[in-house]
Amino acid sequence: MASDDDLPPLPHVPLGRYEHYKQLPYEVLGVVRHSETLEPLVLYRALYGQQGLWVRPAAMFCETVHINGQDVPRFRHCPDLANGQG
C-alpha cells in the first residue's frame, strides 16, 4: 500500500462554482483519488434538484467537448456566481 509520500500530486482544479456546458450549476468540493486505481477524481455537487454528490475523472472534468460545431469546456469555472445563482 502506498503512503501519502508515494502518491503523485493531484491536479489543480479550483474550488467553487462551475457551469456545465448544459448550463446547469455545480460546486467543486475537492479533488480526490480512486481507492483502487489512484486516478484523480473531481468531487462536486449539483446546485439544483436533490443536490447530489458526484465524482468524475479529473481529466474528463477539465476537458473540452464539441457541441454545435464548437469546442467548449465541459465545466466552466464561475467564481462570481453566488449561491448557485447565475
C-alpha atoms as a PDB file:
ATOM      1  CA  MET A   1       0.000   0.000   0.000  1.00  0.00           C
ATOM      2  CA  ALA A   2       1.343   3.420  -0.949  1.00  0.00           C
ATOM      3  CA  SER A   3       1.898   6.031   1.712  1.00  0.00           C
ATOM      4  CA  ASP A   4       0.880   9.638   1.148  1.00  0.00           C
ATOM      5  CA  ASP A   5       4.549  10.376   0.406  1.00  0.00           C
ATOM      6  CA  ASP A   6       4.463   7.949  -2.547  1.00  0.00           C
ATOM      7  CA  LEU A   7       1.406   9.479  -4.219  1.00  0.00           C
ATOM      8  CA  PRO A   8       1.723  11.715  -7.274  1.00  0.00           C
ATOM      9  CA  PRO A   9       0.380  15.235  -6.808  1.00  0.00           C
ATOM     10  CA  LEU A  10      -3.268  15.844  -7.589  1.00  0.00           C
ATOM     11  CA  PRO A  11      -4.132  18.169 -10.476  1.00  0.00           C
ATOM     12  CA  HIS A  12      -5.185  21.682  -9.527  1.00  0.00           C
ATOM     13  CA  VAL A  13      -8.903  22.264 -10.022  1.00  0.00           C
ATOM     14  CA  PRO A  14     -10.075  25.482  -8.348  1.00  0.00           C
ATOM     15  CA  LEU A  15     -12.814  25.019  -5.766  1.00  0.00           C
ATOM     16  CA  GLY A  16     -16.088  26.856  -6.183  1.00  0.00           C
ATOM     17  CA  ARG A  17     -18.897  27.341  -8.648  1.00  0.00           C
ATOM     18  CA  TYR A  18     -18.942  25.892 -12.155  1.00  0.00           C
ATOM     19  CA  GLU A  19     -21.391  25.847 -15.012  1.00  0.00           C
ATOM     20  CA  HIS A  20     -21.781  22.673 -17.068  1.00  0.00           C
ATOM     21  CA  TYR A  21     -21.981  23.150 -20.830  1.00  0.00           C
ATOM     22  CA  LYS A  22     -25.712  22.319 -20.495  1.00  0.00           C
ATOM     23  CA  GLN A  23     -25.936  25.470 -18.318  1.00  0.00           C
ATOM     24  CA  LEU A  24     -26.519  23.680 -15.013  1.00  0.00           C
ATOM     25  CA  PRO A  25     -24.748  24.938 -11.853  1.00  0.00           C
ATOM     26  CA  TYR A  26     -22.330  22.833  -9.796  1.00  0.00           C
ATOM     27  CA  GLU A  27     -19.868  23.351  -6.962  1.00  0.00           C
ATOM     28  CA  VAL A  28     -16.457  21.673  -6.870  1.00  0.00           C
ATOM     29  CA  LEU A  29     -15.673  20.491  -3.342  1.00  0.00           C
ATOM     30  CA  GLY A  30     -12.251  18.971  -3.950  1.00  0.00           C
ATOM     31  CA  VAL A  31     -10.012  16.631  -5.905  1.00  0.00           C
ATOM     32  CA  VAL A  32      -9.735  13.084  -4.552  1.00  0.00           C
ATOM     33  CA  ARG A  33      -8.221   9.733  -5.572  1.00  0.00           C
ATOM     34  CA  HIS A  34      -9.916   6.487  -6.509  1.00  0.00           C
ATOM     35  CA  SER A  35      -9.073   3.996  -3.756  1.00  0.00           C
ATOM     36  CA  GLU A  36      -8.057   1.192  -6.136  1.00  0.00           C
ATOM     37  CA  THR A  37      -6.555   2.932  -9.172  1.00  0.00           C
ATOM     38  CA  LEU A  38      -5.393   6.229  -7.573  1.00  0.00           C
ATOM     39  CA  GLU A  39      -6.977   8.030 -10.541  1.00  0.00           C
ATOM     40  CA  PRO A  40      -7.633  11.690  -9.645  1.00  0.00           C
ATOM     41  CA  LEU A  41     -11.345  12.473  -9.452  1.00  0.00           C
ATOM     42  CA  VAL A  42     -13.174  15.769  -9.045  1.00  0.00           C
ATOM     43  CA  LEU A  43     -15.748  15.720  -6.235  1.00  0.00           C
ATOM     44  CA  TYR A  44     -18.636  18.052  -6.973  1.00  0.00           C
ATOM     45  CA  ARG A  45     -22.298  18.606  -6.190  1.00  0.00           C
ATOM     46  CA  ALA A  46     -25.255  19.780  -8.181  1.00  0.00           C
ATOM     47  CA  LEU A  47     -26.693  23.135  -7.148  1.00  0.00           C
ATOM     48  CA  TYR A  48     -30.170  22.169  -8.321  1.00  0.00           C
ATOM     49  CA  GLY A  49     -32.648  19.375  -7.653  1.00  0.00           C
ATOM     50  CA  GLN A  50     -31.563  16.978  -4.900  1.00  0.00           C
ATOM     51  CA  GLN A  51     -28.038  18.458  -4.905  1.00  0.00           C
ATOM     52  CA  GLY A  52     -26.417  15.049  -5.211  1.00  0.00           C
ATOM     53  CA  LEU A  53     -22.689  14.445  -4.859  1.00  0.00           C
ATOM     54  CA  TRP A  54     -20.758  13.222  -7.905  1.00  0.00           C
ATOM     55  CA  VAL A  55     -17.234  12.294  -8.913  1.00  0.00           C
ATOM     56  CA  ARG A  56     -15.797  12.469 -12.402  1.00  0.00           C
ATOM     57  CA  PRO A  57     -12.265  11.720 -13.601  1.00  0.00           C
ATOM     58  CA  ALA A  58     -10.301  14.982 -13.379  1.00  0.00           C
ATOM     59  CA  ALA A  59      -9.152  14.690 -16.997  1.00  0.00           C
ATOM     60  CA  MET A  60     -12.770  14.411 -18.137  1.00  0.00           C
ATOM     61  CA  PHE A  61     -13.954  17.221 -15.840  1.00  0.00           C
ATOM     62  CA  CYS A  62     -11.341  19.586 -17.322  1.00  0.00           C
ATOM     63  CA  GLU A  63     -11.699  18.566 -20.972  1.00  0.00           C
ATOM     64  CA  THR A  64     -13.417  20.392 -23.789  1.00  0.00           C
ATOM     65  CA  VAL A  65     -16.377  18.895 -25.614  1.00  0.00           C
ATOM     66  CA  HIS A  66     -17.546  19.512 -29.172  1.00  0.00           C
ATOM     67  CA  ILE A  67     -21.067  20.983 -29.056  1.00  0.00           C
ATOM     68  CA  ASN A  68     -22.918  22.529 -32.009  1.00  0.00           C
ATOM     69  CA  GLY A  69     -19.705  22.853 -34.005  1.00  0.00           C
ATOM     70  CA  GLN A  70     -17.727  24.491 -31.190  1.00  0.00           C
ATOM     71  CA  ASP A  71     -15.222  23.253 -28.635  1.00  0.00           C
ATOM     72  CA  VAL A  72     -16.381  24.357 -25.185  1.00  0.00           C
ATOM     73  CA  PRO A  73     -15.252  23.437 -21.668  1.00  0.00           C
ATOM     74  CA  ARG A  74     -17.317  20.638 -20.114  1.00  0.00           C
ATOM     75  CA  PHE A  75     -17.348  22.717 -16.898  1.00  0.00           C
ATOM     76  CA  ARG A  76     -16.588  26.448 -16.813  1.00  0.00           C
ATOM     77  CA  HIS A  77     -15.293  27.941 -13.562  1.00  0.00           C
ATOM     78  CA  CYS A  78     -17.599  30.780 -12.482  1.00  0.00           C
ATOM     79  CA  PRO A  79     -16.256  32.143  -9.189  1.00  0.00           C
ATOM     80  CA  ASP A  80     -18.557  35.171  -9.468  1.00  0.00           C
ATOM     81  CA  LEU A  81     -21.711  33.041  -9.126  1.00  0.00           C
ATOM     82  CA  ALA A  82     -23.227  33.326  -5.655  1.00  0.00           C
ATOM     83  CA  ASN A  83     -25.303  30.568  -4.048  1.00  0.00           C
ATOM     84  CA  GLY A  84     -25.631  28.698  -7.312  1.00  0.00           C
ATOM     85  CA  GLN A  85     -27.394  31.611  -8.985  1.00  0.00           C
ATOM     86  CA  GLY A  86     -26.234  32.945 -12.279  1.00  0.00           C
END
